[in-house]
Protein backbone atom coordinates (compact mmCIF):
# COMPACT_ATOMS: atom_id res chain seq x y z
CA MET A 1 43.60 46.38 74.21
CA PRO A 2 45.01 44.24 71.81
CA GLN A 3 48.52 45.23 70.47
CA ILE A 4 49.91 44.83 66.93
CA ARG A 5 53.36 45.70 65.40
CA LEU A 6 52.69 48.33 62.65
CA VAL A 7 54.99 48.41 59.73
CA GLY A 8 54.58 50.09 56.24
CA ASP A 9 56.69 52.44 53.93
CA ASN A 10 54.98 55.59 55.04
CA ILE A 11 55.22 54.89 58.97
CA GLU A 12 57.10 57.54 60.99
CA ASN A 13 57.98 54.98 63.95
CA PRO A 14 57.02 51.40 63.19
CA GLY A 15 56.48 49.58 66.34
CA VAL A 16 54.09 48.10 68.72
CA VAL A 17 50.74 50.04 69.06
CA SER A 18 47.21 49.38 69.76
CA VAL A 19 44.83 48.46 66.96
CA LYS A 20 42.75 51.54 67.38
CA GLU A 21 45.94 53.74 66.89
CA ALA A 22 46.90 51.81 63.98
CA LEU A 23 43.53 51.95 62.11
CA LYS A 24 43.60 55.98 63.03
CA ILE A 25 46.97 56.03 61.34
CA ALA A 26 45.97 53.95 58.24
CA GLU A 27 42.60 56.09 57.76
CA GLU A 28 44.72 59.54 57.91
CA GLN A 29 46.75 58.23 55.07
CA GLU A 30 43.61 56.93 53.41
CA LEU A 31 45.10 53.49 53.07
CA ASP A 32 44.27 49.90 54.54
CA LEU A 33 45.59 48.20 57.56
CA VAL A 34 46.28 44.67 56.20
CA GLU A 35 47.56 41.96 58.50
CA ILE A 36 50.65 40.15 57.32
CA SER A 37 51.71 37.60 59.99
CA PRO A 38 48.64 36.61 62.16
CA LYS A 39 50.68 34.08 63.95
CA ALA A 40 53.36 36.55 65.18
CA ASP A 41 53.42 37.88 68.83
CA PRO A 42 52.19 40.52 68.60
CA PRO A 43 50.61 40.00 64.88
CA VAL A 44 52.27 42.13 62.39
CA CYS A 45 50.14 44.54 60.27
CA LYS A 46 51.14 46.90 57.20
CA VAL A 47 49.57 49.98 56.15
CA ILE A 48 49.34 49.76 52.51
CA ASP A 49 46.85 50.44 49.38
CA TYR A 50 44.99 46.73 49.49
CA LYS A 51 43.58 47.18 45.83
CA LYS A 52 47.23 48.09 44.52
CA PHE A 53 48.56 45.26 46.69
CA LEU A 54 46.15 42.63 45.17
CA TYR A 55 46.76 44.19 41.62
CA GLU A 56 50.64 43.93 42.18
CA GLN A 57 50.32 40.27 43.37
CA LYS A 58 48.02 39.35 40.17
CA LYS A 59 50.75 40.93 38.08
CA LYS A 60 53.59 38.68 39.61
CA GLN A 61 51.45 35.79 38.95
CA LYS A 62 50.70 36.45 35.60
CA GLU A 63 54.42 37.24 34.93
CA ILE A 64 55.33 33.85 36.53
CA LYS A 65 52.85 32.04 34.25
CA SER A 66 54.23 33.79 31.13
CA LYS A 67 57.76 32.68 31.86
CA ALA A 68 56.66 28.95 32.07
CA THR A 69 57.35 27.03 29.02
CA LYS A 70 53.91 25.24 27.67
CA VAL A 71 54.97 21.96 25.91
CA VAL A 72 53.31 21.07 22.73
CA VAL A 73 53.04 17.53 21.54
CA LYS A 74 52.52 17.14 17.92
CA GLU A 75 51.52 13.55 16.44
CA ILE A 76 52.49 12.36 13.04
CA ARG A 77 51.25 8.79 11.92
CA PHE A 78 52.70 6.61 9.31
CA GLY A 79 51.43 3.28 7.93
CA PRO A 80 54.06 0.47 7.75
CA ASN A 81 53.81 0.79 3.89
CA THR A 82 54.21 4.61 3.56
CA ASP A 83 55.48 5.44 0.26
CA GLU A 84 58.40 8.17 -0.35
CA HIS A 85 56.23 11.22 -1.24
CA ASP A 86 54.04 10.74 1.70
CA TYR A 87 56.90 10.16 3.95
CA ASN A 88 58.77 13.28 2.81
CA PHE A 89 55.61 15.19 3.25
CA LYS A 90 55.16 14.26 6.84
CA LYS A 91 58.77 14.35 7.23
CA ASN A 92 58.44 18.23 6.37
CA HIS A 93 55.66 18.45 8.88
CA ALA A 94 57.98 17.17 11.65
CA VAL A 95 60.68 19.34 10.78
CA LYS A 96 58.24 22.46 10.95
CA PHE A 97 56.98 21.28 14.40
CA LEU A 98 60.52 20.73 15.82
CA GLU A 99 61.60 24.23 14.93
CA GLU A 100 58.54 25.69 16.26
CA GLY A 101 59.67 23.95 19.67
CA ALA A 102 56.95 21.15 19.75
CA LYS A 103 57.88 17.65 20.73
CA LEU A 104 56.92 14.96 18.42
CA LYS A 105 55.05 11.83 18.74
CA VAL A 106 55.69 9.98 15.81
CA TYR A 107 54.17 6.38 15.24
CA VAL A 108 53.45 3.77 12.90
CA PHE A 109 49.92 2.08 13.18
CA PHE A 110 49.53 -1.63 12.23
CA LYS A 111 46.25 -2.33 11.09
CA GLY A 112 45.17 -5.99 10.68
CA ARG A 113 47.63 -8.37 9.34
CA THR A 114 50.20 -5.44 8.68
CA ILE A 115 51.61 -6.18 12.12
CA LEU A 116 53.40 -8.65 10.21
CA PHE A 117 55.73 -5.78 9.19
CA LYS A 118 57.03 -4.73 12.56
CA GLU A 119 60.59 -4.47 10.88
CA LYS A 120 59.23 -2.14 8.12
CA GLY A 121 57.66 -0.11 10.79
CA GLU A 122 60.70 0.09 13.00
CA ILE A 123 63.04 1.17 9.98
CA LEU A 124 60.73 3.72 8.93
CA LEU A 125 61.12 5.26 12.49
CA LEU A 126 64.55 5.07 12.75
CA LYS A 127 65.29 6.60 9.34
CA LEU A 128 63.13 9.71 10.36
CA ALA A 129 65.16 10.10 13.44
CA GLN A 130 68.32 9.83 11.57
CA GLU A 131 66.70 12.47 9.13
CA LEU A 132 65.76 14.73 12.07
CA GLU A 133 68.96 14.38 14.16
CA GLU A 134 70.20 17.74 13.41
CA ILE A 135 67.20 19.61 14.86
CA GLY A 136 65.59 16.91 17.18
CA LYS A 137 66.94 14.26 19.64
CA VAL A 138 65.12 10.80 20.25
CA ASP A 139 63.69 10.81 23.85
CA GLN A 140 62.30 7.54 23.37
CA MET A 141 63.36 4.57 20.87
CA PRO A 142 60.60 2.68 18.72
CA LYS A 143 58.42 0.70 21.10
CA LEU A 144 55.70 -1.52 20.16
CA GLU A 145 52.41 -0.75 22.00
CA GLY A 146 49.59 -2.95 21.06
CA LYS A 147 48.95 -1.93 17.40
CA ARG A 148 51.19 1.20 17.27
CA MET A 149 55.19 1.56 17.15
CA ILE A 150 55.69 4.81 18.97
CA MET A 151 58.99 6.81 19.07
CA PHE A 152 59.24 10.50 20.71
CA ILE A 153 61.59 13.43 19.68
CA SER A 154 62.26 16.54 21.26
CA PRO A 155 63.82 19.59 19.82
CA LYS A 156 67.30 20.31 20.21
CA LYS A 157 67.94 23.60 22.35
CA LYS A 158 69.03 26.52 19.92
CA LYS A 159 72.24 28.12 20.70
């Protein structure tokens, strides 16, 4: 007759019993017999309400998931010859995104021969970084990748 170690919240004398006896105890309490650790010698079984157990597990998983932070990356695109009004308009969006806790990917897109104005693009990005230093910190300085000059900014932690 196979033996198991029986545990549970409402077991009078936990210990090693036969499987038949354990099933009888579980049935009397209108609960389920669940194997907890099959590799143990003898295997450990617990008398619990299985549906409730599954519900609790699901609830824990959901709680863990809700506590995990989701990183949102917002993009803002400039041209090398972006004028003051457009720059301010996009800067206001950048401020809003950072305050919402999103990371920013800011880039200057060079079309055709505008690649000659690399310095203009870099100056534009550095100017933006300087104006946003109150609420965000630069993760990556402006870097030219193909036809784009990219810079990453992440929000500063609120105190």
